[in-house]
Protein backbone atom coordinates (compact mmCIF):
# COMPACT_ATOMS: atom_id res chain seq x y z
CA MET A 1 49.25 -33.16 21.10
CA ALA A 2 46.10 -33.22 18.94
CA GLU A 3 44.63 -30.48 21.06
CA ARG A 4 47.66 -28.30 20.55
CA ARG A 5 47.56 -28.78 16.81
CA TYR A 6 43.76 -27.90 16.75
CA GLN A 7 44.53 -24.68 18.61
CA LEU A 8 47.27 -23.62 16.22
CA GLN A 9 45.03 -24.20 13.34
CA ASN A 10 42.29 -22.14 14.79
CA GLU A 11 44.95 -19.38 15.39
CA ARG A 12 46.21 -19.59 11.92
CA ALA A 13 42.62 -19.46 10.56
CA ASN A 14 41.79 -16.36 12.69
CA GLU A 15 45.02 -14.71 11.43
CA LEU A 16 43.96 -15.45 7.63
CA ILE A 17 40.43 -14.15 8.30
CA GLY A 18 41.99 -11.05 9.95
CA ALA A 19 44.20 -10.43 6.96
CA LEU A 20 41.27 -10.98 4.55
CA LEU A 21 39.12 -8.40 6.40
CA ASP A 22 42.10 -6.02 6.45
CA ALA A 23 42.56 -6.35 2.73
CA ALA A 24 38.87 -5.86 2.09
CA GLU A 25 38.84 -2.68 4.18
CA VAL A 26 35.90 -3.82 6.32
CA SER A 27 34.75 -0.99 8.70
CA ALA A 28 35.14 -1.65 12.50
CA ASP A 29 31.38 -1.60 13.27
CA ARG A 30 30.96 -4.54 10.85
CA ARG A 31 34.12 -6.38 11.17
CA GLY A 32 32.94 -8.73 13.91
CA TYR A 33 29.94 -9.97 11.87
CA TYR A 34 32.06 -10.79 8.71
CA GLN A 35 34.52 -12.49 11.06
CA GLN A 36 31.80 -14.64 12.47
CA LEU A 37 30.41 -15.53 8.94
CA LEU A 38 33.76 -16.53 7.71
CA THR A 39 34.42 -18.60 10.85
CA THR A 40 31.08 -20.38 10.49
CA VAL A 41 32.05 -21.42 6.96
CA LEU A 42 35.30 -22.96 8.13
CA LYS A 43 33.42 -24.63 11.01
CA LEU A 44 31.41 -26.44 8.27
CA HIS A 45 34.63 -27.94 7.20
CA GLU A 46 35.69 -28.65 10.72
CA ASP A 47 32.50 -30.46 11.37
CA GLY A 48 32.70 -32.52 8.21
CA ALA A 49 29.56 -31.15 6.59
CA SER A 50 28.16 -33.43 3.90
CA LEU A 51 28.26 -32.27 0.17
CA GLY A 52 24.52 -31.98 0.30
CA ASP A 53 24.52 -29.71 3.35
CA LEU A 54 27.28 -27.56 1.75
CA LYS A 55 25.07 -27.18 -1.43
CA VAL A 56 22.01 -26.00 0.65
CA THR A 57 24.04 -23.60 2.77
CA ASN A 58 25.90 -22.15 -0.33
CA THR A 59 22.65 -21.74 -2.31
CA ALA A 60 20.76 -20.21 0.58
CA LEU A 61 23.65 -17.70 1.27
CA LYS A 62 23.75 -16.74 -2.32
CA GLU A 63 19.96 -16.19 -2.30
CA LEU A 64 20.09 -13.89 0.67
CA ARG A 65 22.97 -11.91 -0.52
CA TYR A 66 21.45 -11.28 -4.00
CA ALA A 67 18.00 -10.31 -2.46
CA TYR A 68 19.77 -7.90 -0.15
CA LYS A 69 21.24 -6.30 -2.97
CA VAL A 70 18.06 -5.99 -5.03
CA PHE A 71 16.14 -4.38 -2.23
CA ALA A 72 18.82 -2.21 -0.75
CA PRO A 73 18.24 0.89 -3.28
CA TYR A 74 14.48 0.92 -2.00
CA ARG A 75 15.00 0.61 1.67
CA GLY A 76 13.40 3.98 2.36
CA THR A 77 10.03 2.97 0.47
CA ARG A 78 7.28 1.32 2.31
CA LYS A 79 6.17 -2.07 0.73
CA VAL A 80 3.05 -4.18 0.94
CA THR A 81 3.34 -7.84 0.25
CA VAL A 82 0.42 -9.28 -1.44
CA PHE A 83 -0.60 -12.98 -1.18
CA GLY A 84 -3.27 -14.79 -3.10
CA SER A 85 -4.10 -17.56 -5.52
CA ALA A 86 -2.07 -18.04 -8.72
CA ARG A 87 -5.11 -19.65 -10.19
CA THR A 88 -7.48 -16.90 -10.10
CA THR A 89 -8.55 -15.90 -13.56
CA PRO A 90 -7.98 -12.28 -15.04
CA ASP A 91 -11.72 -11.71 -15.34
CA ALA A 92 -12.56 -12.80 -11.80
CA PRO A 93 -13.74 -10.06 -9.39
CA GLU A 94 -10.91 -11.02 -6.98
CA ALA A 95 -8.42 -10.03 -9.91
CA GLU A 96 -10.04 -6.69 -10.46
CA VAL A 97 -9.94 -5.92 -6.78
CA ALA A 98 -6.27 -6.79 -6.70
CA ARG A 99 -5.50 -4.53 -9.63
CA GLN A 100 -7.33 -1.75 -8.06
CA PHE A 101 -5.37 -2.37 -4.67
CA GLY A 102 -2.07 -2.35 -6.29
CA ARG A 103 -2.84 0.86 -8.13
CA ARG A 104 -4.16 2.66 -5.03
CA MET A 105 -1.07 1.54 -2.90
CA VAL A 106 1.35 3.14 -5.49
CA GLU A 107 -0.71 6.18 -5.62
CA ARG A 108 -0.15 6.40 -1.78
CA GLY A 109 3.64 6.29 -2.40
CA TRP A 110 4.07 2.40 -1.60
CA MET A 111 5.52 -0.38 -3.63
CA VAL A 112 4.16 -3.83 -3.94
CA VAL A 113 5.81 -7.17 -3.34
CA THR A 114 4.31 -10.56 -4.65
CA GLY A 115 5.38 -13.97 -5.36
CA ALA A 116 5.69 -13.05 -9.09
CA GLY A 117 3.13 -15.61 -10.22
CA GLY A 118 -0.20 -15.03 -12.19
CA GLY A 119 -3.63 -14.89 -10.59
CA ILE A 120 -3.85 -12.43 -7.74
CA MET A 121 -0.09 -11.70 -7.86
CA GLY A 122 -0.10 -10.65 -11.56
CA ALA A 123 -3.20 -8.61 -11.16
CA THR A 124 -1.71 -6.68 -8.32
CA GLN A 125 1.39 -6.00 -10.30
CA GLN A 126 -0.56 -5.04 -13.33
CA GLY A 127 -2.30 -2.47 -11.16
CA ALA A 128 0.97 -1.24 -9.55
CA GLY A 129 2.99 -1.18 -12.61
CA ARG A 130 6.32 -2.67 -13.30
CA GLU A 131 8.47 0.31 -11.71
CA GLN A 132 6.82 -0.17 -8.42
CA SER A 133 6.87 -3.87 -8.16
CA PHE A 134 9.00 -6.58 -6.74
CA GLY A 135 8.57 -10.23 -7.71
CA LEU A 136 9.89 -12.97 -5.57
CA ASN A 137 9.54 -16.13 -7.68
CA ILE A 138 10.10 -19.77 -6.74
CA ARG A 139 11.30 -22.52 -9.02
CA LEU A 140 8.69 -25.08 -9.35
CA PRO A 141 7.97 -27.94 -11.67
CA PHE A 142 4.60 -26.28 -12.32
CA GLU A 143 2.40 -23.32 -12.01
CA GLN A 144 4.95 -20.62 -11.29
CA GLU A 145 6.39 -18.66 -14.27
CA ALA A 146 6.90 -15.04 -13.60
CA ASN A 147 3.86 -12.98 -14.83
CA PRO A 148 4.52 -10.60 -17.74
CA TRP A 149 4.21 -7.56 -15.40
CA ILE A 150 7.46 -8.40 -13.53
CA ALA A 151 9.12 -10.84 -15.95
CA ASP A 152 12.65 -9.63 -16.83
CA ASP A 153 12.63 -6.75 -14.52
CA PRO A 154 15.66 -6.35 -12.28
CA LYS A 155 13.40 -6.49 -9.23
CA LEU A 156 12.40 -10.04 -10.09
CA ILE A 157 14.30 -12.46 -7.84
CA THR A 158 13.91 -16.33 -8.29
CA PHE A 159 14.60 -18.48 -5.33
CA LYS A 160 15.19 -22.12 -5.14
CA TYR A 161 14.29 -22.41 -1.53
CA PHE A 162 10.83 -21.43 0.07
CA PHE A 163 12.48 -20.55 3.35
CA THR A 164 14.75 -17.93 1.77
CA ARG A 165 11.87 -16.51 -0.32
CA LYS A 166 9.43 -16.30 2.69
CA LEU A 167 11.93 -14.38 4.62
CA PHE A 168 12.00 -11.60 2.26
CA LEU A 169 8.22 -11.66 1.64
CA VAL A 170 7.86 -10.84 5.41
CA LYS A 171 11.11 -8.88 6.15
CA GLU A 172 10.54 -6.32 3.44
CA ALA A 173 6.87 -5.86 4.36
CA SER A 174 5.46 -2.73 5.99
CA ALA A 175 2.04 -4.23 5.44
CA VAL A 176 0.57 -7.58 4.16
CA ALA A 177 -2.59 -7.84 2.16
CA LEU A 178 -4.18 -11.36 1.53
CA PHE A 179 -6.64 -12.33 -0.95
CA PRO A 180 -8.44 -15.67 -1.33
CA GLY A 181 -6.14 -18.57 -2.16
CA GLY A 182 -5.37 -22.13 -1.61
CA PHE A 183 -2.87 -24.23 0.47
CA GLY A 184 -0.07 -21.69 -0.22
CA THR A 185 -1.88 -18.76 0.73
CA MET A 186 -3.15 -20.35 3.96
CA ASP A 187 0.45 -21.32 4.69
CA GLU A 188 1.74 -17.78 4.26
CA THR A 189 -1.35 -16.54 6.40
CA PHE A 190 -0.67 -18.64 9.33
CA GLU A 191 3.10 -18.47 9.23
CA LEU A 192 2.89 -14.61 9.29
CA LEU A 193 0.41 -14.63 12.19
CA THR A 194 2.50 -17.07 14.00
CA LEU A 195 5.67 -14.96 13.50
CA MET A 196 3.78 -11.89 14.84
CA GLN A 197 2.14 -13.69 17.68
CA THR A 198 5.42 -14.91 18.96
CA GLY A 199 7.31 -11.64 18.45
CA LYS A 200 9.64 -13.12 15.67
CA ALA A 201 8.45 -10.58 13.07
CA ALA A 202 7.64 -6.98 13.43
CA ILE A 203 3.87 -6.04 13.97
CA VAL A 204 2.62 -4.74 10.66
CA PRO A 205 -0.94 -4.16 9.45
CA VAL A 206 -2.44 -7.48 8.00
CA VAL A 207 -5.61 -7.07 5.94
CA LEU A 208 -7.62 -10.04 4.69
CA ILE A 209 -9.59 -8.76 1.59
CA GLU A 210 -12.96 -10.11 0.91
CA ALA A 211 -12.92 -9.44 -2.83
CA ALA A 212 -15.96 -11.33 -4.07
CA ALA A 213 -19.69 -11.60 -3.12
CA LYS A 214 -19.19 -14.85 -1.37
CA PRO A 215 -17.36 -14.74 1.84
CA TYR A 216 -13.96 -16.25 2.28
CA TRP A 217 -12.05 -14.97 5.24
CA ARG A 218 -14.96 -14.50 7.37
CA ILE A 219 -15.54 -18.27 7.25
CA LEU A 220 -12.05 -18.77 8.38
CA ASP A 221 -12.55 -16.25 11.08
CA ARG A 222 -15.26 -18.26 12.52
CA TRP A 223 -12.72 -20.78 13.34
CA THR A 224 -9.91 -18.56 14.41
CA SER A 225 -11.93 -16.28 16.65
CA GLY A 226 -14.52 -18.89 17.86
CA THR A 227 -13.35 -22.58 17.83
CA MET A 228 -9.60 -21.96 18.54
CA PRO A 229 -10.02 -19.71 21.60
CA GLU A 230 -12.92 -21.72 23.00
CA ARG A 231 -10.52 -24.70 23.08
CA GLY A 232 -7.77 -22.64 24.52
CA LEU A 233 -5.55 -23.00 21.49
CA VAL A 234 -4.98 -19.22 21.03
CA GLU A 235 -5.85 -16.24 23.05
CA GLY A 236 -9.02 -14.43 22.04
CA GLU A 237 -7.19 -11.21 21.50
CA ASP A 238 -4.90 -12.78 19.03
CA THR A 239 -7.37 -12.09 16.22
CA ALA A 240 -6.35 -8.33 16.81
CA LEU A 241 -3.21 -9.20 14.61
CA TYR A 242 -5.44 -9.06 11.40
CA ARG A 243 -8.41 -7.12 10.03
CA ILE A 244 -11.00 -8.41 7.47
CA VAL A 245 -12.02 -5.56 5.05
CA ASP A 246 -14.66 -5.47 2.33
CA SER A 247 -13.15 -2.97 -0.15
CA VAL A 248 -9.95 -1.50 -1.54
CA GLU A 249 -10.62 1.75 0.22
CA GLU A 250 -10.94 0.05 3.57
CA ALA A 251 -7.82 -1.95 3.11
CA VAL A 252 -5.73 1.19 2.04
CA ALA A 253 -7.06 3.10 4.96
CA GLU A 254 -6.28 0.37 7.29
CA ILE A 255 -2.72 -0.02 6.09
CA THR A 256 -1.94 3.75 5.87
CA GLY A 257 -3.70 4.62 9.12
CA PHE A 258 -1.46 2.16 10.94
CA TYR A 259 1.49 4.60 10.47
CA ARG A 260 -0.53 7.86 11.35
CA VAL A 261 1.39 8.15 14.71
CA TYR A 262 3.42 4.89 14.82
CA HIS A 263 6.35 4.68 12.54
CA SER A 264 8.52 1.63 13.49
CA SER A 265 10.16 -0.04 16.36
CA ARG A 266 13.16 -1.69 17.72
CA ILE A 267 14.29 -3.67 20.72
CA VAL A 268 17.09 -1.94 22.44
CA GLY A 269 18.70 -3.31 25.58
CA GLY A 270 15.61 -5.18 26.37
CA ARG A 271 13.32 -2.27 25.98
CA LEU A 272 10.99 -1.62 23.17
CA VAL A 273 11.62 1.58 21.33
CA LEU A 274 8.66 3.03 19.23
CA ARG A 275 9.53 5.69 16.68
CA LEU A 276 6.65 8.06 16.28
CA THR A 277 5.66 10.81 13.86
CA ARG A 278 4.99 13.24 16.53
CA PRO A 279 5.70 13.41 20.44
CA LEU A 280 3.07 12.45 23.03
CA GLY A 281 2.02 14.91 25.74
CA ALA A 282 2.12 13.78 29.48
CA ALA A 283 -1.53 13.06 29.71
CA GLN A 284 -1.41 10.94 26.51
CA LEU A 285 1.53 9.07 28.18
CA ALA A 286 -0.31 8.51 31.34
CA GLY A 287 -3.46 7.21 29.53
CA LEU A 288 -1.23 4.72 27.48
CA GLN A 289 0.41 3.61 30.66
CA ALA A 290 -3.02 3.09 32.34
CA THR A 291 -4.58 1.16 29.51
CA PHE A 292 -1.69 -1.10 28.89
CA GLY A 293 -0.18 -1.78 32.27
CA ASP A 294 -0.71 -5.45 31.78
CA VAL A 295 2.15 -5.57 29.29
CA ILE A 296 4.42 -2.72 30.40
CA GLU A 297 6.47 -3.66 33.22
CA GLY A 298 7.47 -0.22 34.36
CA PRO A 299 7.11 3.46 33.53
CA ALA A 300 6.85 4.58 29.82
CA GLU A 301 9.34 7.15 28.84
CA ALA A 302 9.34 9.65 25.99
CA ALA A 303 12.61 10.86 24.32
CA PRO A 304 13.04 13.53 21.49
CA GLY A 305 15.27 11.40 19.32
CA PRO A 306 17.24 8.04 19.11
CA VAL A 307 18.63 6.20 22.07
CA ALA A 308 22.40 5.50 21.80
CA GLN A 309 22.28 1.92 20.40
CA GLU A 310 20.01 3.01 17.50
CA ALA A 311 22.93 4.13 15.52
CA ASN A 312 21.16 7.57 14.84
CA GLU A 313 18.33 5.94 12.88
CA PHE A 314 15.51 8.22 12.04
CA PRO A 315 17.01 11.17 14.11
CA GLU A 316 14.14 13.54 13.37
CA LEU A 317 11.44 11.21 15.05
CA PRO A 318 10.55 11.28 18.70
CA ARG A 319 10.53 8.10 20.69
CA LEU A 320 8.38 6.30 23.13
CA ILE A 321 10.41 3.76 25.16
CA LEU A 322 8.42 0.91 26.88
CA PRO A 323 9.76 -1.80 29.21
CA PHE A 324 7.42 -4.15 27.23
CA ASN A 325 7.03 -7.59 28.63
CA ARG A 326 8.09 -9.77 25.77
CA ALA A 327 6.65 -12.91 27.33
CA SER A 328 3.31 -11.31 27.07
CA SER A 329 0.76 -10.93 24.25
CA TYR A 330 1.92 -9.47 20.97
CA ALA A 331 -1.64 -8.93 20.08
CA ARG A 332 -1.85 -6.44 22.93
CA LEU A 333 1.10 -4.65 21.37
CA ARG A 334 -0.90 -4.40 18.10
CA GLN A 335 -3.69 -2.85 20.23
CA LEU A 336 -1.20 -0.48 21.82
CA ILE A 337 -0.13 0.72 18.50
CA ASP A 338 -3.84 1.12 17.44
CA PHE A 339 -4.16 3.21 20.55
CA LEU A 340 -1.32 5.37 19.69
CA ASN A 341 -2.77 6.05 16.32
CA THR A 342 -6.09 7.63 17.79
CA LEU A 343 -4.02 10.13 19.92
């Protein structure tokens, strides 16, 4: 009897969800996702979720929805996320380099995204200007008021949770620039590298900017490229996921050069589809196959436009379709992209 009652309740809930989606005129291609979202909400009730769990879920979903809304109008513009210390003083050499970097990236048609605080974040947004900046603030009991170059701007988003904030700092980035910083910057550095190393985030150019006379990132690099591989804790090639640079010009060139031939990528039906700014010739395709046969499980293919499952995204761009071994090294994928950009 109880099982039958449970079945009837589920059927009634599905009917009500269907009616709600009908009333909202949700399109067929999105209907299934909205149905799953609403079903998950009701499952929380069914599971007896605590009041605290409901508060976390509700706040996180609200933060996600609002951030999606704020970023949506700028989807077609590439953005660089900048990390660095909030404690850097305005007259420090690192701050001046950050201002120059923000200005130069905007000159190249990019927007900047920071954590909205002072120090490196404020200096970058001062250089970039309010119109070309996003600020992703976090509510803290200290040290994190929005800087004056993004305060009160519609593109300032204030998060309660670090995990929702971090999602957008990475998700919206076509590149990441890191300046010297403390625990927070180190956390962001290694989380980003971990996400790319494990295939959980898109491969993007990551530049570690030496912004003062005394080295910072090269000291860290001695450990990540020496001690860690020597002890078998990472692969030696994993350091290909980042570049250490010594100037604004070098940082800008590294970021923009990453998109010289490579445009973007997507996993489609188990295959890696790379969108390119120009097609590859037969000889170039053969050279890529020979160089990266260790991570390509079969023949690479070229296509003049989107494959079916891409929903006609970037229809003007040619494709390179790779049976990429997703259990292999994503640092090698970064090297493959670098190879493409030399062709």
